Amino acid sequence: MIVVNTETIPGREIAEAIGLVQGNTIRAKHVGRDIAAGFKNLVGGELRGYTELLTEARRQALERMLAQAKQLSADGVVNVRFTTSAVTGGAAELYAYGTAVRLAPAAGARYE
C-alpha cells in the first residue's frame, strides 16, 4: 500500500476516492519517564523516554489507519496527517488520518 502526505502519487492516478480512514491511540505518561524528564529539564537535552513514547504512538495510529484502509480494499492513502491532543493531565491522543484511494497507472506510465 502506498502512503503519502501529498494529494497525488507520481506515476499513478486516483481512480476512486474511497473516503476518510483514521487510526488513533491514547497514551499515558509513565512516572519513571516523568522523573527522568524532570532531571533532564535541569541540564537540557532530548527527553528520550517521551520521544520513544510518541514514536510508538505514531506507529500504532498509522497501523490502525492502514488496517482500516485495507478493509476498504484501498491501494493507497493520500494526504496523511498526524495530530495530537491532550485527553487528561497525564494522557494524550495521537491521531492519524488520510484519504483512502484506489489507484490506476497514470497515462503513459510504465511499470516493470
PDB file of N, CA and C in Angstrom:
ATOM      1  N   MET A   1       0.851  -1.176   0.000  1.00  0.00           N
ATOM      2  CA  MET A   1       0.000   0.000   0.000  1.00  0.00           C
ATOM      3  C   MET A   1       0.897   1.239   0.000  1.00  0.00           C
ATOM      4  N   ILE A   2       0.548   2.194  -0.846  1.00  0.00           N
ATOM      5  CA  ILE A   2       1.298   3.439  -0.927  1.00  0.00           C
ATOM      6  C   ILE A   2       0.676   4.447   0.036  1.00  0.00           C
ATOM      7  N   VAL A   3       1.507   5.055   0.876  1.00  0.00           N
ATOM      8  CA  VAL A   3       1.036   6.019   1.860  1.00  0.00           C
ATOM      9  C   VAL A   3       1.865   7.288   1.708  1.00  0.00           C
ATOM     10  N   VAL A   4       1.198   8.406   1.432  1.00  0.00           N
ATOM     11  CA  VAL A   4       1.909   9.671   1.227  1.00  0.00           C
ATOM     12  C   VAL A   4       1.185  10.816   1.925  1.00  0.00           C
ATOM     13  N   ASN A   5       1.935  11.885   2.171  1.00  0.00           N
ATOM     14  CA  ASN A   5       1.306  13.067   2.766  1.00  0.00           C
ATOM     15  C   ASN A   5       1.008  14.129   1.710  1.00  0.00           C
ATOM     16  N   THR A   6       1.034  13.723   0.440  1.00  0.00           N
ATOM     17  CA  THR A   6       0.707  14.606  -0.670  1.00  0.00           C
ATOM     18  C   THR A   6      -0.667  14.233  -1.232  1.00  0.00           C
ATOM     19  N   GLU A   7      -1.194  15.095  -2.103  1.00  0.00           N
ATOM     20  CA  GLU A   7      -2.507  14.842  -2.690  1.00  0.00           C
ATOM     21  C   GLU A   7      -2.447  13.884  -3.871  1.00  0.00           C
ATOM     22  N   THR A   8      -1.269  13.721  -4.453  1.00  0.00           N
ATOM     23  CA  THR A   8      -1.109  12.857  -5.619  1.00  0.00           C
ATOM     24  C   THR A   8       0.068  11.920  -5.415  1.00  0.00           C
ATOM     25  N   ILE A   9       0.130  10.900  -6.268  1.00  0.00           N
ATOM     26  CA  ILE A   9       1.235   9.944  -6.250  1.00  0.00           C
ATOM     27  C   ILE A   9       1.834   9.933  -7.645  1.00  0.00           C
ATOM     28  N   PRO A  10       3.101  10.290  -7.792  1.00  0.00           N
ATOM     29  CA  PRO A  10       3.721  10.318  -9.121  1.00  0.00           C
ATOM     30  C   PRO A  10       3.590   8.965  -9.825  1.00  0.00           C
ATOM     31  N   GLY A  11       3.188   9.017 -11.105  1.00  0.00           N
ATOM     32  CA  GLY A  11       3.053   7.804 -11.890  1.00  0.00           C
ATOM     33  C   GLY A  11       1.744   7.066 -11.684  1.00  0.00           C
ATOM     34  N   ARG A  12       0.903   7.590 -10.826  1.00  0.00           N
ATOM     35  CA  ARG A  12      -0.393   6.956 -10.544  1.00  0.00           C
ATOM     36  C   ARG A  12      -1.497   7.991 -10.640  1.00  0.00           C
ATOM     37  N   GLU A  13      -2.679   7.508 -10.972  1.00  0.00           N
ATOM     38  CA  GLU A  13      -3.874   8.341 -10.946  1.00  0.00           C
ATOM     39  C   GLU A  13      -4.807   7.803  -9.879  1.00  0.00           C
ATOM     40  N   ILE A  14      -5.536   8.675  -9.269  1.00  0.00           N
ATOM     41  CA  ILE A  14      -6.542   8.243  -8.293  1.00  0.00           C
ATOM     42  C   ILE A  14      -7.793   7.885  -9.082  1.00  0.00           C
ATOM     43  N   ALA A  15      -8.074   6.592  -9.158  1.00  0.00           N
ATOM     44  CA  ALA A  15      -9.240   6.100  -9.886  1.00  0.00           C
ATOM     45  C   ALA A  15     -10.509   6.300  -9.074  1.00  0.00           C
ATOM     46  N   GLU A  16     -10.368   6.208  -7.738  1.00  0.00           N
ATOM     47  CA  GLU A  16     -11.531   6.356  -6.865  1.00  0.00           C
ATOM     48  C   GLU A  16     -11.077   6.802  -5.484  1.00  0.00           C
ATOM     49  N   ALA A  17     -11.724   7.823  -4.976  1.00  0.00           N
ATOM     50  CA  ALA A  17     -11.506   8.237  -3.590  1.00  0.00           C
ATOM     51  C   ALA A  17     -12.536   7.494  -2.745  1.00  0.00           C
ATOM     52  N   ILE A  18     -12.056   6.637  -1.858  1.00  0.00           N
ATOM     53  CA  ILE A  18     -12.960   5.811  -1.057  1.00  0.00           C
ATOM     54  C   ILE A  18     -13.493   6.583   0.140  1.00  0.00           C
ATOM     55  N   GLY A  19     -12.619   7.345   0.782  1.00  0.00           N
ATOM     56  CA  GLY A  19     -13.067   8.141   1.918  1.00  0.00           C
ATOM     57  C   GLY A  19     -12.034   8.207   3.026  1.00  0.00           C
ATOM     58  N   LEU A  20     -12.409   8.867   4.082  1.00  0.00           N
ATOM     59  CA  LEU A  20     -11.538   9.092   5.235  1.00  0.00           C
ATOM     60  C   LEU A  20     -11.226   7.776   5.944  1.00  0.00           C
ATOM     61  N   VAL A  21      -9.957   7.586   6.260  1.00  0.00           N
ATOM     62  CA  VAL A  21      -9.544   6.485   7.133  1.00  0.00           C
ATOM     63  C   VAL A  21      -8.763   7.103   8.283  1.00  0.00           C
ATOM     64  N   GLN A  22      -8.816   6.449   9.417  1.00  0.00           N
ATOM     65  CA  GLN A  22      -8.214   7.031  10.613  1.00  0.00           C
ATOM     66  C   GLN A  22      -7.749   5.954  11.571  1.00  0.00           C
ATOM     67  N   GLY A  23      -6.825   6.340  12.401  1.00  0.00           N
ATOM     68  CA  GLY A  23      -6.349   5.465  13.465  1.00  0.00           C
ATOM     69  C   GLY A  23      -5.882   6.342  14.608  1.00  0.00           C
ATOM     70  N   ASN A  24      -6.070   5.875  15.806  1.00  0.00           N
ATOM     71  CA  ASN A  24      -5.632   6.669  16.947  1.00  0.00           C
ATOM     72  C   ASN A  24      -5.174   5.782  18.087  1.00  0.00           C
ATOM     73  N   THR A  25      -4.490   6.396  19.020  1.00  0.00           N
ATOM     74  CA  THR A  25      -4.110   5.748  20.260  1.00  0.00           C
ATOM     75  C   THR A  25      -4.004   6.824  21.324  1.00  0.00           C
ATOM     76  N   ILE A  26      -4.301   6.459  22.532  1.00  0.00           N
ATOM     77  CA  ILE A  26      -4.166   7.380  23.665  1.00  0.00           C
ATOM     78  C   ILE A  26      -3.126   6.791  24.593  1.00  0.00           C
ATOM     79  N   ARG A  27      -2.130   7.573  24.896  1.00  0.00           N
ATOM     80  CA  ARG A  27      -1.025   7.115  25.732  1.00  0.00           C
ATOM     81  C   ARG A  27      -0.921   7.962  26.987  1.00  0.00           C
ATOM     82  N   ALA A  28      -0.634   7.305  28.090  1.00  0.00           N
ATOM     83  CA  ALA A  28      -0.446   7.984  29.370  1.00  0.00           C
ATOM     84  C   ALA A  28       1.039   8.095  29.683  1.00  0.00           C
ATOM     85  N   LYS A  29       1.380   9.142  30.400  1.00  0.00           N
ATOM     86  CA  LYS A  29       2.762   9.310  30.837  1.00  0.00           C
ATOM     87  C   LYS A  29       3.085   8.243  31.877  1.00  0.00           C
ATOM     88  N   HIS A  30       4.346   7.951  31.993  1.00  0.00           N
ATOM     89  CA  HIS A  30       4.841   6.954  32.940  1.00  0.00           C
ATOM     90  C   HIS A  30       5.638   7.684  34.011  1.00  0.00           C
ATOM     91  N   VAL A  31       5.406   7.358  35.271  1.00  0.00           N
ATOM     92  CA  VAL A  31       6.066   8.071  36.359  1.00  0.00           C
ATOM     93  C   VAL A  31       7.584   8.010  36.240  1.00  0.00           C
ATOM     94  N   GLY A  32       8.124   6.897  35.774  1.00  0.00           N
ATOM     95  CA  GLY A  32       9.572   6.788  35.589  1.00  0.00           C
ATOM     96  C   GLY A  32      10.076   7.767  34.538  1.00  0.00           C
ATOM     97  N   ARG A  33       9.313   7.917  33.470  1.00  0.00           N
ATOM     98  CA  ARG A  33       9.679   8.875  32.428  1.00  0.00           C
ATOM     99  C   ARG A  33       9.592  10.306  32.964  1.00  0.00           C
ATOM    100  N   ASP A  34       8.584  10.558  33.808  1.00  0.00           N
ATOM    101  CA  ASP A  34       8.434  11.900  34.377  1.00  0.00           C
ATOM    102  C   ASP A  34       9.618  12.267  35.261  1.00  0.00           C
ATOM    103  N   ILE A  35      10.091  11.319  36.031  1.00  0.00           N
ATOM    104  CA  ILE A  35      11.249  11.585  36.905  1.00  0.00           C
ATOM    105  C   ILE A  35      12.480  11.863  36.057  1.00  0.00           C
ATOM    106  N   ALA A  36      12.706  11.027  35.049  1.00  0.00           N
ATOM    107  CA  ALA A  36      13.857  11.235  34.165  1.00  0.00           C
ATOM    108  C   ALA A  36      13.736  12.569  33.428  1.00  0.00           C
ATOM    109  N   ALA A  37      12.529  12.920  33.000  1.00  0.00           N
ATOM    110  CA  ALA A  37      12.320  14.191  32.306  1.00  0.00           C
ATOM    111  C   ALA A  37      12.590  15.366  33.239  1.00  0.00           C
ATOM    112  N   GLY A  38      12.223  15.231  34.507  1.00  0.00           N
ATOM    113  CA  GLY A  38      12.491  16.291  35.479  1.00  0.00           C
ATOM    114  C   GLY A  38      13.974  16.552  35.628  1.00  0.00           C
ATOM    115  N   PHE A  39      14.768  15.483  35.685  1.00  0.00           N
ATOM    116  CA  PHE A  39      16.224  15.654  35.757  1.00  0.00           C
ATOM    117  C   PHE A  39      16.771  16.265  34.468  1.00  0.00           C
ATOM    118  N   LYS A  40      16.249  15.832  33.335  1.00  0.00           N
ATOM    119  CA  LYS A  40      16.724  16.332  32.047  1.00  0.00           C
ATOM    120  C   LYS A  40      16.403  17.819  31.897  1.00  0.00           C
ATOM    121  N   ASN A  41      15.297  18.264  32.483  1.00  0.00           N
ATOM    122  CA  ASN A  41      14.949  19.684  32.426  1.00  0.00           C
ATOM    123  C   ASN A  41      15.986  20.551  33.129  1.00  0.00           C
ATOM    124  N   LEU A  42      16.689  19.980  34.082  1.00  0.00           N
ATOM    125  CA  LEU A  42      17.720  20.727  34.797  1.00  0.00           C
ATOM    126  C   LEU A  42      18.950  20.971  33.933  1.00  0.00           C
ATOM    127  N   VAL A  43      19.292  20.006  33.091  1.00  0.00           N
ATOM    128  CA  VAL A  43      20.522  20.106  32.305  1.00  0.00           C
ATOM    129  C   VAL A  43      20.270  20.285  30.809  1.00  0.00           C
ATOM    130  N   GLY A  44      19.058  20.084  30.360  1.00  0.00           N
ATOM    131  CA  GLY A  44      18.726  20.223  28.948  1.00  0.00           C
ATOM    132  C   GLY A  44      18.991  18.951  28.171  1.00  0.00           C
ATOM    133  N   GLY A  45      18.462  18.875  26.971  1.00  0.00           N
ATOM    134  CA  GLY A  45      18.669  17.715  26.107  1.00  0.00           C
ATOM    135  C   GLY A  45      17.363  17.032  25.756  1.00  0.00           C
ATOM    136  N   GLU A  46      17.489  16.010  24.940  1.00  0.00           N
ATOM    137  CA  GLU A  46      16.326  15.264  24.469  1.00  0.00           C
ATOM    138  C   GLU A  46      15.713  14.436  25.586  1.00  0.00           C
ATOM    139  N   LEU A  47      14.386  14.436  25.629  1.00  0.00           N
ATOM    140  CA  LEU A  47      13.657  13.585  26.568  1.00  0.00           C
ATOM    141  C   LEU A  47      13.367  12.268  25.848  1.00  0.00           C
ATOM    142  N   ARG A  48      14.332  11.366  25.864  1.00  0.00           N
ATOM    143  CA  ARG A  48      14.252  10.134  25.066  1.00  0.00           C
ATOM    144  C   ARG A  48      13.052   9.266  25.416  1.00  0.00           C
ATOM    145  N   GLY A  49      12.684   9.225  26.671  1.00  0.00           N
ATOM    146  CA  GLY A  49      11.520   8.422  27.060  1.00  0.00           C
ATOM    147  C   GLY A  49      10.261   8.901  26.365  1.00  0.00           C
ATOM    148  N   TYR A  50      10.089  10.208  26.277  1.00  0.00           N
ATOM    149  CA  TYR A  50       8.924  10.757  25.594  1.00  0.00           C
ATOM    150  C   TYR A  50       9.042  10.615  24.081  1.00  0.00           C
ATOM    151  N   THR A  51      10.247  10.735  23.556  1.00  0.00           N
ATOM    152  CA  THR A  51      10.453  10.528  22.121  1.00  0.00           C
ATOM    153  C   THR A  51      10.037   9.113  21.745  1.00  0.00           C
ATOM    154  N   GLU A  52      10.453   8.128  22.526  1.00  0.00           N
ATOM    155  CA  GLU A  52      10.080   6.731  22.270  1.00  0.00           C
ATOM    156  C   GLU A  52       8.572   6.536  22.390  1.00  0.00           C
ATOM    157  N   LEU A  53       7.969   7.168  23.391  1.00  0.00           N
ATOM    158  CA  LEU A  53       6.527   7.061  23.597  1.00  0.00           C
ATOM    159  C   LEU A  53       5.763   7.591  22.381  1.00  0.00           C
ATOM    160  N   LEU A  54       6.163   8.753  21.872  1.00  0.00           N
ATOM    161  CA  LEU A  54       5.471   9.341  20.728  1.00  0.00           C
ATOM    162  C   LEU A  54       5.755   8.574  19.433  1.00  0.00           C
ATOM    163  N   THR A  55       6.961   8.064  19.287  1.00  0.00           N
ATOM    164  CA  THR A  55       7.288   7.258  18.099  1.00  0.00           C
ATOM    165  C   THR A  55       6.414   6.017  18.051  1.00  0.00           C
ATOM    166  N   GLU A  56       6.273   5.342  19.170  1.00  0.00           N
ATOM    167  CA  GLU A  56       5.422   4.144  19.246  1.00  0.00           C
ATOM    168  C   GLU A  56       3.954   4.512  19.007  1.00  0.00           C
ATOM    169  N   ALA A  57       3.510   5.631  19.544  1.00  0.00           N
ATOM    170  CA  ALA A  57       2.125   6.062  19.346  1.00  0.00           C
ATOM    171  C   ALA A  57       1.854   6.363  17.875  1.00  0.00           C
ATOM    172  N   ARG A  58       2.782   7.034  17.194  1.00  0.00           N
ATOM    173  CA  ARG A  58       2.613   7.312  15.763  1.00  0.00           C
ATOM    174  C   ARG A  58       2.543   6.016  14.965  1.00  0.00           C
ATOM    175  N   ARG A  59       3.416   5.073  15.289  1.00  0.00           N
ATOM    176  CA  ARG A  59       3.426   3.790  14.582  1.00  0.00           C
ATOM    177  C   ARG A  59       2.088   3.075  14.754  1.00  0.00           C
ATOM    178  N   GLN A  60       1.575   3.046  15.973  1.00  0.00           N
ATOM    179  CA  GLN A  60       0.329   2.331  16.232  1.00  0.00           C
ATOM    180  C   GLN A  60      -0.865   3.025  15.562  1.00  0.00           C
ATOM    181  N   ALA A  61      -0.912   4.346  15.614  1.00  0.00           N
ATOM    182  CA  ALA A  61      -2.001   5.073  14.959  1.00  0.00           C
ATOM    183  C   ALA A  61      -1.959   4.839  13.447  1.00  0.00           C
ATOM    184  N   LEU A  62      -0.764   4.855  12.857  1.00  0.00           N
ATOM    185  CA  LEU A  62      -0.605   4.615  11.425  1.00  0.00           C
ATOM    186  C   LEU A  62      -1.043   3.197  11.065  1.00  0.00           C
ATOM    187  N   GLU A  63      -0.641   2.205  11.857  1.00  0.00           N
ATOM    188  CA  GLU A  63      -1.049   0.818  11.609  1.00  0.00           C
ATOM    189  C   GLU A  63      -2.562   0.679  11.637  1.00  0.00           C
ATOM    190  N   ARG A  64      -3.221   1.334  12.573  1.00  0.00           N
ATOM    191  CA  ARG A  64      -4.674   1.250  12.677  1.00  0.00           C
ATOM    192  C   ARG A  64      -5.353   1.921  11.490  1.00  0.00           C
ATOM    193  N   MET A  65      -4.786   3.040  11.035  1.00  0.00           N
ATOM    194  CA  MET A  65      -5.327   3.712   9.862  1.00  0.00           C
ATOM    195  C   MET A  65      -5.186   2.814   8.631  1.00  0.00           C
ATOM    196  N   LEU A  66      -4.020   2.189   8.458  1.00  0.00           N
ATOM    197  CA  LEU A  66      -3.791   1.311   7.306  1.00  0.00           C
ATOM    198  C   LEU A  66      -4.676   0.074   7.354  1.00  0.00           C
ATOM    199  N   ALA A  67      -4.944  -0.441   8.535  1.00  0.00           N
ATOM    200  CA  ALA A  67      -5.846  -1.595   8.667  1.00  0.00           C
ATOM    201  C   ALA A  67      -7.248  -1.222   8.184  1.00  0.00           C
ATOM    202  N   GLN A  68      -7.677  -0.028   8.514  1.00  0.00           N
ATOM    203  CA  GLN A  68      -8.988   0.423   8.049  1.00  0.00           C
ATOM    204  C   GLN A  68      -8.992   0.578   6.525  1.00  0.00           C
ATOM    205  N   ALA A  69      -7.901   1.105   5.957  1.00  0.00           N
ATOM    206  CA  ALA A  69      -7.801   1.253   4.501  1.00  0.00           C
ATOM    207  C   ALA A  69      -7.837  -0.109   3.813  1.00  0.00           C
ATOM    208  N   LYS A  70      -7.157  -1.100   4.375  1.00  0.00           N
ATOM    209  CA  LYS A  70      -7.156  -2.450   3.794  1.00  0.00           C
ATOM    210  C   LYS A  70      -8.551  -3.052   3.815  1.00  0.00           C
ATOM    211  N   GLN A  71      -9.312  -2.810   4.889  1.00  0.00           N
ATOM    212  CA  GLN A  71     -10.688  -3.314   4.966  1.00  0.00           C
ATOM    213  C   GLN A  71     -11.558  -2.738   3.847  1.00  0.00           C
ATOM    214  N   LEU A  72     -11.188  -1.547   3.380  1.00  0.00           N
ATOM    215  CA  LEU A  72     -11.936  -0.899   2.307  1.00  0.00           C
ATOM    216  C   LEU A  72     -11.367  -1.225   0.925  1.00  0.00           C
ATOM    217  N   SER A  73     -10.400  -2.144   0.874  1.00  0.00           N
ATOM    218  CA  SER A  73      -9.727  -2.545  -0.367  1.00  0.00           C
ATOM    219  C   SER A  73      -9.035  -1.387  -1.064  1.00  0.00           C
ATOM    220  N   ALA A  74      -8.427  -0.508  -0.292  1.00  0.00           N
ATOM    221  CA  ALA A  74      -7.699   0.634  -0.847  1.00  0.00           C
ATOM    222  C   ALA A  74      -6.321   0.196  -1.323  1.00  0.00           C
ATOM    223  N   ASP A  75      -5.805   0.892  -2.332  1.00  0.00           N
ATOM    224  CA  ASP A  75      -4.445   0.686  -2.818  1.00  0.00           C
ATOM    225  C   ASP A  75      -3.475   1.664  -2.165  1.00  0.00           C
ATOM    226  N   GLY A  76      -4.014   2.746  -1.633  1.00  0.00           N
ATOM    227  CA  GLY A  76      -3.161   3.772  -1.051  1.00  0.00           C
ATOM    228  C   GLY A  76      -3.937   4.697  -0.149  1.00  0.00           C
ATOM    229  N   VAL A  77      -3.176   5.526   0.551  1.00  0.00           N
ATOM    230  CA  VAL A  77      -3.766   6.575   1.393  1.00  0.00           C
ATOM    231  C   VAL A  77      -2.994   7.855   1.084  1.00  0.00           C
ATOM    232  N   VAL A  78      -3.714   8.892   0.690  1.00  0.00           N
ATOM    233  CA  VAL A  78      -3.094  10.167   0.365  1.00  0.00           C
ATOM    234  C   VAL A  78      -3.469  11.210   1.420  1.00  0.00           C
ATOM    235  N   ASN A  79      -2.697  12.289   1.426  1.00  0.00           N
ATOM    236  CA  ASN A  79      -2.944  13.408   2.345  1.00  0.00           C
ATOM    237  C   ASN A  79      -2.889  12.967   3.814  1.00  0.00           C
ATOM    238  N   VAL A  80      -1.958  12.104   4.154  1.00  0.00           N
ATOM    239  CA  VAL A  80      -1.858  11.588   5.524  1.00  0.00           C
ATOM    240  C   VAL A  80      -1.380  12.697   6.458  1.00  0.00           C
ATOM    241  N   ARG A  81      -2.023  12.804   7.598  1.00  0.00           N
ATOM    242  CA  ARG A  81      -1.687  13.798   8.612  1.00  0.00           C
ATOM    243  C   ARG A  81      -1.703  13.144   9.987  1.00  0.00           C
ATOM    244  N   PHE A  82      -0.936  13.750  10.895  1.00  0.00           N
ATOM    245  CA  PHE A  82      -0.925  13.341  12.301  1.00  0.00           C
ATOM    246  C   PHE A  82      -1.300  14.550  13.144  1.00  0.00           C
ATOM    247  N   THR A  83      -2.005  14.307  14.220  1.00  0.00           N
ATOM    248  CA  THR A  83      -2.324  15.376  15.153  1.00  0.00           C
ATOM    249  C   THR A  83      -2.323  14.802  16.568  1.00  0.00           C
ATOM    250  N   THR A  84      -2.124  15.665  17.520  1.00  0.00           N
ATOM    251  CA  THR A  84      -2.155  15.244  18.923  1.00  0.00           C
ATOM    252  C   THR A  84      -3.099  16.150  19.695  1.00  0.00           C
ATOM    253  N   SER A  85      -3.618  15.622  20.785  1.00  0.00           N
ATOM    254  CA  SER A  85      -4.443  16.430  21.674  1.00  0.00           C
ATOM    255  C   SER A  85      -4.366  15.858  23.084  1.00  0.00           C
ATOM    256  N   ALA A  86      -4.474  16.736  24.055  1.00  0.00           N
ATOM    257  CA  ALA A  86      -4.472  16.306  25.459  1.00  0.00           C
ATOM    258  C   ALA A  86      -5.843  15.733  25.795  1.00  0.00           C
ATOM    259  N   VAL A  87      -5.846  14.584  26.444  1.00  0.00           N
ATOM    260  CA  VAL A  87      -7.097  13.959  26.859  1.00  0.00           C
ATOM    261  C   VAL A  87      -7.343  14.252  28.336  1.00  0.00           C
ATOM    262  N   THR A  88      -6.319  14.058  29.145  1.00  0.00           N
ATOM    263  CA  THR A  88      -6.338  14.422  30.562  1.00  0.00           C
ATOM    264  C   THR A  88      -4.971  15.009  30.874  1.00  0.00           C
ATOM    265  N   GLY A  89      -4.753  15.340  32.132  1.00  0.00           N
ATOM    266  CA  GLY A  89      -3.472  15.909  32.526  1.00  0.00           C
ATOM    267  C   GLY A  89      -2.292  15.009  32.245  1.00  0.00           C
ATOM    268  N   GLY A  90      -2.494  13.712  32.234  1.00  0.00           N
ATOM    269  CA  GLY A  90      -1.370  12.794  32.059  1.00  0.00           C
ATOM    270  C   GLY A  90      -1.449  11.924  30.821  1.00  0.00           C
ATOM    271  N   ALA A  91      -2.375  12.237  29.903  1.00  0.00           N
ATOM    272  CA  ALA A  91      -2.516  11.388  28.711  1.00  0.00           C
ATOM    273  C   ALA A  91      -2.792  12.245  27.481  1.00  0.00           C
ATOM    274  N   ALA A  92      -2.342  11.739  26.326  1.00  0.00           N
ATOM    275  CA  ALA A  92      -2.548  12.438  25.066  1.00  0.00           C
ATOM    276  C   ALA A  92      -2.962  11.446  23.994  1.00  0.00           C
ATOM    277  N   GLU A  93      -3.743  11.943  23.042  1.00  0.00           N
ATOM    278  CA  GLU A  93      -4.151  11.146  21.903  1.00  0.00           C
ATOM    279  C   GLU A  93      -3.270  11.502  20.719  1.00  0.00           C
ATOM    280  N   LEU A  94      -2.862  10.486  19.969  1.00  0.00           N
ATOM    281  CA  LEU A  94      -2.201  10.699  18.692  1.00  0.00           C
ATOM    282  C   LEU A  94      -3.140  10.131  17.636  1.00  0.00           C
ATOM    283  N   TYR A  95      -3.468  10.942  16.649  1.00  0.00           N
ATOM    284  CA  TYR A  95      -4.477  10.621  15.650  1.00  0.00           C
ATOM    285  C   TYR A  95      -3.850  10.724  14.266  1.00  0.00           C
ATOM    286  N   ALA A  96      -4.008   9.685  13.448  1.00  0.00           N
ATOM    287  CA  ALA A  96      -3.527   9.680  12.065  1.00  0.00           C
ATOM    288  C   ALA A  96      -4.745   9.569  11.158  1.00  0.00           C
ATOM    289  N   TYR A  97      -4.736  10.349  10.074  1.00  0.00           N
ATOM    290  CA  TYR A  97      -5.870  10.287   9.159  1.00  0.00           C
ATOM    291  C   TYR A  97      -5.427  10.619   7.739  1.00  0.00           C
ATOM    292  N   GLY A  98      -6.213  10.172   6.783  1.00  0.00           N
ATOM    293  CA  GLY A  98      -5.934  10.429   5.381  1.00  0.00           C
ATOM    294  C   GLY A  98      -7.107   9.966   4.541  1.00  0.00           C
ATOM    295  N   THR A  99      -6.939  10.037   3.229  1.00  0.00           N
ATOM    296  CA  THR A  99      -7.985   9.626   2.304  1.00  0.00           C
ATOM    297  C   THR A  99      -7.582   8.325   1.630  1.00  0.00           C
ATOM    298  N   ALA A 100      -8.386   7.289   1.814  1.00  0.00           N
ATOM    299  CA  ALA A 100      -8.149   6.000   1.172  1.00  0.00           C
ATOM    300  C   ALA A 100      -8.540   6.111  -0.295  1.00  0.00           C
ATOM    301  N   VAL A 101      -7.689   5.551  -1.176  1.00  0.00           N
ATOM    302  CA  VAL A 101      -7.932   5.642  -2.615  1.00  0.00           C
ATOM    303  C   VAL A 101      -7.657   4.313  -3.295  1.00  0.00           C
ATOM    304  N   ARG A 102      -8.249   4.178  -4.477  1.00  0.00           N
ATOM    305  CA  ARG A 102      -7.885   3.099  -5.389  1.00  0.00           C
ATOM    306  C   ARG A 102      -7.108   3.753  -6.511  1.00  0.00           C
ATOM    307  N   LEU A 103      -6.017   3.123  -6.900  1.00  0.00           N
ATOM    308  CA  LEU A 103      -5.096   3.729  -7.854  1.00  0.00           C
ATOM    309  C   LEU A 103      -5.111   3.024  -9.205  1.00  0.00           C
ATOM    310  N   ALA A 104      -4.712   3.766 -10.215  1.00  0.00           N
ATOM    311  CA  ALA A 104      -4.508   3.236 -11.558  1.00  0.00           C
ATOM    312  C   ALA A 104      -3.219   3.841 -12.084  1.00  0.00           C
ATOM    313  N   PRO A 105      -2.538   3.164 -13.026  1.00  0.00           N
ATOM    314  CA  PRO A 105      -1.337   3.766 -13.616  1.00  0.00           C
ATOM    315  C   PRO A 105      -1.703   5.067 -14.326  1.00  0.00           C
ATOM    316  N   ALA A 106      -0.847   6.057 -14.220  1.00  0.00           N
ATOM    317  CA  ALA A 106      -1.066   7.311 -14.931  1.00  0.00           C
ATOM    318  C   ALA A 106      -0.921   7.057 -16.430  1.00  0.00           C
ATOM    319  N   ALA A 107      -1.595   7.825 -17.221  1.00  0.00           N
ATOM    320  CA  ALA A 107      -1.497   7.693 -18.675  1.00  0.00           C
ATOM    321  C   ALA A 107      -0.028   7.807 -19.092  1.00  0.00           C
ATOM    322  N   GLY A 108       0.439   6.818 -19.822  1.00  0.00           N
ATOM    323  CA  GLY A 108       1.819   6.810 -20.300  1.00  0.00           C
ATOM    324  C   GLY A 108       2.825   6.282 -19.289  1.00  0.00           C
ATOM    325  N   ALA A 109       2.411   5.962 -18.085  1.00  0.00           N
ATOM    326  CA  ALA A 109       3.352   5.440 -17.084  1.00  0.00           C
ATOM    327  C   ALA A 109       3.674   3.991 -17.401  1.00  0.00           C
ATOM    328  N   ARG A 110       4.937   3.612 -17.185  1.00  0.00           N
ATOM    329  CA  ARG A 110       5.369   2.236 -17.436  1.00  0.00           C
ATOM    330  C   ARG A 110       5.893   1.629 -16.138  1.00  0.00           C
ATOM    331  N   TYR A 111       5.466   0.412 -15.851  1.00  0.00           N
ATOM    332  CA  TYR A 111       5.925  -0.316 -14.667  1.00  0.00           C
ATOM    333  C   TYR A 111       6.472  -1.656 -15.111  1.00  0.00           C
ATOM    334  N   GLU A 112       7.525  -2.047 -14.486  1.00  0.00           N
ATOM    335  CA  GLU A 112       8.119  -3.342 -14.823  1.00  0.00           C
ATOM    336  C   GLU A 112       7.760  -4.354 -13.781  1.00  0.00           C
TER     337      GLU A 112
END
